[in-house]
Amino acid sequence: MKKIITITNLEELNKFEKRLPFYRSFLYRRVNFSCGATVIPIQSFITALNIKNKKKRITYLYDTLCRQVDTFYMDKNICDFKYNQCIVQRKNKKYQNGCCRLCKYANSDGCSTHNFTCKMFYCFTIREKNNILTTKDLPLLKCFSLRQRFLLQYEYFSSREDILTDLWIESLIINLFRIYARFISNIILQRR
């Protein structure tokens, strides 16, 4: 029997955000979420939480976040690229294509993979001059665990598939540690 949790006002939304770590857990696998108010912009949260397969949920979250970043920067030349060099590189006249010079996925058209971490990276000069996205501007990141969010911050120069595998395996390992800790505590309790 499935239970439905509906968010209809801002008070319920605040409770929803506080309980989000619990809603991600296996305890809520028989619960469906819905939004009764169209003015509350949480449809991507609802969709993610209603995906009960962890691998599919992580894929959905990752792809949605990448689309949000792409949409924000669409038709913006934040780095002021001209002749294949950003504003900082034109001053230094040393490198081309910024940090992509170290990336094996860089080609003449730019990045050939969808890496969220690389999409969020901007050098100090650009951050100083422009309004750029931060992790606080992307509330959907709250659907990831704290360790997964940490991993997303430092997963430079990796393919989308590698990142998704790391996110999924990382969450699986956490669950195994929880089971292992309970197993050890049960052994200790049995000895008493």
C-alpha atoms as a PDB file:
ATOM      1  CA  MET A   1       0.000   0.000   0.000  1.00  0.00           C
ATOM      2  CA  LYS A   2       1.471   3.303  -1.109  1.00  0.00           C
ATOM      3  CA  LYS A   3       1.269   6.431   1.028  1.00  0.00           C
ATOM      4  CA  ILE A   4       1.180   9.888  -0.563  1.00  0.00           C
ATOM      5  CA  ILE A   5       2.767  12.986   0.948  1.00  0.00           C
ATOM      6  CA  THR A   6       1.414  16.185  -0.593  1.00  0.00           C
ATOM      7  CA  ILE A   7       2.956  19.632  -0.243  1.00  0.00           C
ATOM      8  CA  THR A   8       0.330  22.367  -0.571  1.00  0.00           C
ATOM      9  CA  ASN A   9       1.766  25.417   1.204  1.00  0.00           C
ATOM     10  CA  LEU A  10       5.044  27.023   2.268  1.00  0.00           C
ATOM     11  CA  GLU A  11       4.864  25.626   5.812  1.00  0.00           C
ATOM     12  CA  GLU A  12       4.722  22.089   4.453  1.00  0.00           C
ATOM     13  CA  LEU A  13       7.552  22.998   2.058  1.00  0.00           C
ATOM     14  CA  ASN A  14       9.765  24.023   5.018  1.00  0.00           C
ATOM     15  CA  LYS A  15       9.021  20.717   6.750  1.00  0.00           C
ATOM     16  CA  PHE A  16       9.693  18.915   3.476  1.00  0.00           C
ATOM     17  CA  GLU A  17      13.147  20.518   3.133  1.00  0.00           C
ATOM     18  CA  LYS A  18      14.076  19.642   6.732  1.00  0.00           C
ATOM     19  CA  ARG A  19      13.026  16.017   6.246  1.00  0.00           C
ATOM     20  CA  LEU A  20      14.660  15.609   2.839  1.00  0.00           C
ATOM     21  CA  PRO A  21      17.546  13.418   4.127  1.00  0.00           C
ATOM     22  CA  PHE A  22      14.985  10.989   5.537  1.00  0.00           C
ATOM     23  CA  TYR A  23      12.846  11.048   2.393  1.00  0.00           C
ATOM     24  CA  ARG A  24      15.886   9.880   0.379  1.00  0.00           C
ATOM     25  CA  SER A  25      16.258   6.769   2.545  1.00  0.00           C
ATOM     26  CA  PHE A  26      14.878   3.308   1.906  1.00  0.00           C
ATOM     27  CA  LEU A  27      12.300   3.879   4.668  1.00  0.00           C
ATOM     28  CA  TYR A  28      10.254   5.981   2.234  1.00  0.00           C
ATOM     29  CA  ARG A  29      10.361   3.608  -0.738  1.00  0.00           C
ATOM     30  CA  ARG A  30       6.601   2.990  -0.410  1.00  0.00           C
ATOM     31  CA  VAL A  31       5.787   6.704  -0.260  1.00  0.00           C
ATOM     32  CA  ASN A  32       4.925   8.833  -3.261  1.00  0.00           C
ATOM     33  CA  PHE A  33       5.274  12.599  -3.170  1.00  0.00           C
ATOM     34  CA  SER A  34       3.111  15.192  -4.885  1.00  0.00           C
ATOM     35  CA  CYS A  35       2.767  18.940  -4.973  1.00  0.00           C
ATOM     36  CA  GLY A  36      -0.740  20.332  -4.624  1.00  0.00           C
ATOM     37  CA  ALA A  37       0.237  23.948  -5.283  1.00  0.00           C
ATOM     38  CA  THR A  38       1.525  25.082  -8.657  1.00  0.00           C
ATOM     39  CA  VAL A  39       3.251  28.150  -7.200  1.00  0.00           C
ATOM     40  CA  ILE A  40       5.777  26.037  -5.275  1.00  0.00           C
ATOM     41  CA  PRO A  41       8.725  25.230  -7.625  1.00  0.00           C
ATOM     42  CA  ILE A  42       9.662  21.771  -6.353  1.00  0.00           C
ATOM     43  CA  GLN A  43       8.563  19.523  -9.208  1.00  0.00           C
ATOM     44  CA  SER A  44      12.121  18.271  -9.805  1.00  0.00           C
ATOM     45  CA  PHE A  45      12.388  17.315  -6.089  1.00  0.00           C
ATOM     46  CA  ILE A  46       9.096  15.444  -6.316  1.00  0.00           C
ATOM     47  CA  THR A  47      10.106  13.631  -9.491  1.00  0.00           C
ATOM     48  CA  ALA A  48      13.482  12.637  -8.016  1.00  0.00           C
ATOM     49  CA  LEU A  49      11.982  11.324  -4.782  1.00  0.00           C
ATOM     50  CA  ASN A  50       9.348   9.344  -6.675  1.00  0.00           C
ATOM     51  CA  ILE A  51      12.115   7.475  -8.542  1.00  0.00           C
ATOM     52  CA  LYS A  52      12.691   4.551  -6.201  1.00  0.00           C
ATOM     53  CA  ASN A  53      15.621   2.978  -8.101  1.00  0.00           C
ATOM     54  CA  LYS A  54      18.723   4.638  -6.638  1.00  0.00           C
ATOM     55  CA  LYS A  55      20.767   4.480  -9.856  1.00  0.00           C
ATOM     56  CA  LYS A  56      17.940   6.023 -11.909  1.00  0.00           C
ATOM     57  CA  ARG A  57      17.397   8.708  -9.260  1.00  0.00           C
ATOM     58  CA  ILE A  58      21.077   9.685  -9.256  1.00  0.00           C
ATOM     59  CA  THR A  59      21.067   9.815 -13.073  1.00  0.00           C
ATOM     60  CA  TYR A  60      17.932  11.970 -13.109  1.00  0.00           C
ATOM     61  CA  LEU A  61      19.336  14.362 -10.490  1.00  0.00           C
ATOM     62  CA  TYR A  62      22.695  14.665 -12.241  1.00  0.00           C
ATOM     63  CA  ASP A  63      21.173  15.298 -15.680  1.00  0.00           C
ATOM     64  CA  THR A  64      18.659  17.797 -14.283  1.00  0.00           C
ATOM     65  CA  LEU A  65      21.403  19.743 -12.504  1.00  0.00           C
ATOM     66  CA  CYS A  66      23.487  19.849 -15.691  1.00  0.00           C
ATOM     67  CA  ARG A  67      20.450  21.154 -17.630  1.00  0.00           C
ATOM     68  CA  GLN A  68      19.859  23.847 -14.984  1.00  0.00           C
ATOM     69  CA  VAL A  69      23.472  25.027 -15.244  1.00  0.00           C
ATOM     70  CA  ASP A  70      23.347  24.969 -19.062  1.00  0.00           C
ATOM     71  CA  THR A  71      20.082  26.925 -19.050  1.00  0.00           C
ATOM     72  CA  PHE A  72      21.502  29.574 -16.714  1.00  0.00           C
ATOM     73  CA  TYR A  73      24.603  30.123 -18.874  1.00  0.00           C
ATOM     74  CA  MET A  74      22.849  29.800 -22.240  1.00  0.00           C
ATOM     75  CA  ASP A  75      23.814  32.651 -24.576  1.00  0.00           C
ATOM     76  CA  LYS A  76      26.244  34.069 -22.000  1.00  0.00           C
ATOM     77  CA  ASN A  77      29.939  34.379 -22.696  1.00  0.00           C
ATOM     78  CA  ILE A  78      30.976  34.573 -19.034  1.00  0.00           C
ATOM     79  CA  CYS A  79      34.659  33.884 -19.725  1.00  0.00           C
ATOM     80  CA  ASP A  80      34.680  36.321 -22.672  1.00  0.00           C
ATOM     81  CA  PHE A  81      36.160  33.792 -25.109  1.00  0.00           C
ATOM     82  CA  LYS A  82      37.678  35.291 -28.245  1.00  0.00           C
ATOM     83  CA  TYR A  83      39.925  33.368 -30.627  1.00  0.00           C
ATOM     84  CA  ASN A  84      39.817  30.289 -28.382  1.00  0.00           C
ATOM     85  CA  GLN A  85      41.151  32.181 -25.331  1.00  0.00           C
ATOM     86  CA  CYS A  86      39.380  33.544 -22.267  1.00  0.00           C
ATOM     87  CA  ILE A  87      39.963  37.025 -20.865  1.00  0.00           C
ATOM     88  CA  VAL A  88      42.641  35.792 -18.425  1.00  0.00           C
ATOM     89  CA  GLN A  89      44.489  33.798 -21.089  1.00  0.00           C
ATOM     90  CA  ARG A  90      44.549  36.780 -23.454  1.00  0.00           C
ATOM     91  CA  LYS A  91      46.312  38.775 -20.740  1.00  0.00           C
ATOM     92  CA  ASN A  92      48.826  36.003 -20.004  1.00  0.00           C
ATOM     93  CA  LYS A  93      49.105  34.823 -23.660  1.00  0.00           C
ATOM     94  CA  LYS A  94      50.232  31.443 -22.452  1.00  0.00           C
ATOM     95  CA  TYR A  95      47.402  28.891 -22.623  1.00  0.00           C
ATOM     96  CA  GLN A  96      44.339  28.163 -24.694  1.00  0.00           C
ATOM     97  CA  ASN A  97      40.990  26.686 -23.606  1.00  0.00           C
ATOM     98  CA  GLY A  98      41.580  27.276 -19.891  1.00  0.00           C
ATOM     99  CA  CYS A  99      41.661  24.233 -17.613  1.00  0.00           C
ATOM    100  CA  CYS A 100      40.521  22.078 -20.531  1.00  0.00           C
ATOM    101  CA  ARG A 101      44.128  21.863 -21.670  1.00  0.00           C
ATOM    102  CA  LEU A 102      44.528  19.097 -19.041  1.00  0.00           C
ATOM    103  CA  CYS A 103      41.272  17.316 -19.865  1.00  0.00           C
ATOM    104  CA  LYS A 104      41.243  14.317 -22.181  1.00  0.00           C
ATOM    105  CA  TYR A 105      37.600  15.073 -23.098  1.00  0.00           C
ATOM    106  CA  ALA A 106      38.354  18.511 -24.557  1.00  0.00           C
ATOM    107  CA  ASN A 107      38.177  18.926 -28.318  1.00  0.00           C
ATOM    108  CA  SER A 108      37.971  21.828 -30.734  1.00  0.00           C
ATOM    109  CA  ASP A 109      34.231  22.235 -30.018  1.00  0.00           C
ATOM    110  CA  GLY A 110      34.700  22.317 -26.232  1.00  0.00           C
ATOM    111  CA  CYS A 111      33.840  19.609 -23.729  1.00  0.00           C
ATOM    112  CA  SER A 112      32.672  16.293 -25.196  1.00  0.00           C
ATOM    113  CA  THR A 113      31.201  15.039 -21.901  1.00  0.00           C
ATOM    114  CA  HIS A 114      28.717  16.464 -19.414  1.00  0.00           C
ATOM    115  CA  ASN A 115      30.704  17.106 -16.247  1.00  0.00           C
ATOM    116  CA  PHE A 116      28.756  19.018 -13.594  1.00  0.00           C
ATOM    117  CA  THR A 117      31.918  19.950 -11.677  1.00  0.00           C
ATOM    118  CA  CYS A 118      33.572  21.490 -14.727  1.00  0.00           C
ATOM    119  CA  LYS A 119      30.356  23.346 -15.582  1.00  0.00           C
ATOM    120  CA  MET A 120      30.377  24.936 -12.115  1.00  0.00           C
ATOM    121  CA  PHE A 121      34.054  25.943 -12.168  1.00  0.00           C
ATOM    122  CA  TYR A 122      35.075  29.526 -12.909  1.00  0.00           C
ATOM    123  CA  CYS A 123      38.380  31.163 -12.056  1.00  0.00           C
ATOM    124  CA  PHE A 124      38.712  33.920  -9.472  1.00  0.00           C
ATOM    125  CA  THR A 125      38.772  36.698 -12.093  1.00  0.00           C
ATOM    126  CA  ILE A 126      35.501  35.561 -13.640  1.00  0.00           C
ATOM    127  CA  ARG A 127      33.822  35.046 -10.247  1.00  0.00           C
ATOM    128  CA  GLU A 128      34.822  38.565  -9.287  1.00  0.00           C
ATOM    129  CA  LYS A 129      33.381  40.192 -12.431  1.00  0.00           C
ATOM    130  CA  ASN A 130      30.225  38.151 -13.076  1.00  0.00           C
ATOM    131  CA  ASN A 131      27.194  36.733 -11.374  1.00  0.00           C
ATOM    132  CA  ILE A 132      27.811  32.986 -11.489  1.00  0.00           C
ATOM    133  CA  LEU A 133      25.903  30.023 -10.123  1.00  0.00           C
ATOM    134  CA  THR A 134      26.884  28.604  -6.759  1.00  0.00           C
ATOM    135  CA  THR A 135      25.788  25.398  -5.085  1.00  0.00           C
ATOM    136  CA  LYS A 136      23.364  27.465  -2.989  1.00  0.00           C
ATOM    137  CA  ASP A 137      21.589  28.475  -6.195  1.00  0.00           C
ATOM    138  CA  LEU A 138      20.882  24.815  -7.004  1.00  0.00           C
ATOM    139  CA  PRO A 139      18.565  23.478  -4.275  1.00  0.00           C
ATOM    140  CA  LEU A 140      18.243  20.143  -6.086  1.00  0.00           C
ATOM    141  CA  LEU A 141      21.716  19.283  -4.766  1.00  0.00           C
ATOM    142  CA  LYS A 142      20.042  18.664  -1.400  1.00  0.00           C
ATOM    143  CA  CYS A 143      18.697  15.416  -2.850  1.00  0.00           C
ATOM    144  CA  PHE A 144      22.257  14.077  -2.831  1.00  0.00           C
ATOM    145  CA  SER A 145      23.914  12.903   0.354  1.00  0.00           C
ATOM    146  CA  LEU A 146      26.601  15.053   1.946  1.00  0.00           C
ATOM    147  CA  ARG A 147      29.342  12.750   0.640  1.00  0.00           C
ATOM    148  CA  GLN A 148      27.886  12.752  -2.857  1.00  0.00           C
ATOM    149  CA  ARG A 149      27.789  16.568  -2.853  1.00  0.00           C
ATOM    150  CA  PHE A 150      31.427  16.602  -1.739  1.00  0.00           C
ATOM    151  CA  LEU A 151      32.273  14.221  -4.568  1.00  0.00           C
ATOM    152  CA  LEU A 152      30.470  16.444  -7.085  1.00  0.00           C
ATOM    153  CA  GLN A 153      32.630  19.401  -6.073  1.00  0.00           C
ATOM    154  CA  TYR A 154      35.934  17.698  -6.942  1.00  0.00           C
ATOM    155  CA  GLU A 155      35.188  15.345  -9.837  1.00  0.00           C
ATOM    156  CA  TYR A 156      37.061  17.373 -12.506  1.00  0.00           C
ATOM    157  CA  PHE A 157      38.094  15.910 -15.860  1.00  0.00           C
ATOM    158  CA  SER A 158      35.830  12.852 -15.623  1.00  0.00           C
ATOM    159  CA  SER A 159      33.185  11.538 -17.969  1.00  0.00           C
ATOM    160  CA  ARG A 160      29.512  11.595 -17.065  1.00  0.00           C
ATOM    161  CA  GLU A 161      29.435   7.787 -16.817  1.00  0.00           C
ATOM    162  CA  ASP A 162      32.421   7.709 -14.434  1.00  0.00           C
ATOM    163  CA  ILE A 163      30.845  10.326 -12.181  1.00  0.00           C
ATOM    164  CA  LEU A 164      27.495   8.522 -12.091  1.00  0.00           C
ATOM    165  CA  THR A 165      29.249   5.265 -11.223  1.00  0.00           C
ATOM    166  CA  ASP A 166      31.223   6.981  -8.455  1.00  0.00           C
ATOM    167  CA  LEU A 167      28.059   8.536  -7.034  1.00  0.00           C
ATOM    168  CA  TRP A 168      26.202   5.245  -7.098  1.00  0.00           C
ATOM    169  CA  ILE A 169      29.043   3.098  -5.730  1.00  0.00           C
ATOM    170  CA  GLU A 170      29.741   5.686  -3.044  1.00  0.00           C
ATOM    171  CA  SER A 171      26.176   5.516  -1.775  1.00  0.00           C
ATOM    172  CA  LEU A 172      26.211   1.726  -1.939  1.00  0.00           C
ATOM    173  CA  ILE A 173      29.406   1.631   0.158  1.00  0.00           C
ATOM    174  CA  ILE A 174      27.798   3.865   2.793  1.00  0.00           C
ATOM    175  CA  ASN A 175      24.908   1.418   3.062  1.00  0.00           C
ATOM    176  CA  LEU A 176      27.349  -1.466   3.414  1.00  0.00           C
ATOM    177  CA  PHE A 177      29.150   0.331   6.262  1.00  0.00           C
ATOM    178  CA  ARG A 178      25.827   0.856   8.022  1.00  0.00           C
ATOM    179  CA  ILE A 179      25.008  -2.835   7.700  1.00  0.00           C
ATOM    180  CA  TYR A 180      28.521  -3.768   8.829  1.00  0.00           C
ATOM    181  CA  ALA A 181      28.265  -1.485  11.888  1.00  0.00           C
ATOM    182  CA  ARG A 182      24.931  -3.059  12.850  1.00  0.00           C
ATOM    183  CA  PHE A 183      26.420  -6.519  12.338  1.00  0.00           C
ATOM    184  CA  ILE A 184      29.358  -5.709  14.657  1.00  0.00           C
ATOM    185  CA  SER A 185      27.057  -4.195  17.295  1.00  0.00           C
ATOM    186  CA  ASN A 186      24.861  -7.303  17.158  1.00  0.00           C
ATOM    187  CA  ILE A 187      27.922  -9.518  17.731  1.00  0.00           C
ATOM    188  CA  ILE A 188      29.005  -7.375  20.696  1.00  0.00           C
ATOM    189  CA  LEU A 189      25.505  -7.452  22.183  1.00  0.00           C
ATOM    190  CA  GLN A 190      25.325 -11.243  21.798  1.00  0.00           C
ATOM    191  CA  ARG A 191      28.557 -11.685  23.806  1.00  0.00           C
ATOM    192  CA  ARG A 192      27.104  -9.893  26.862  1.00  0.00           C
END
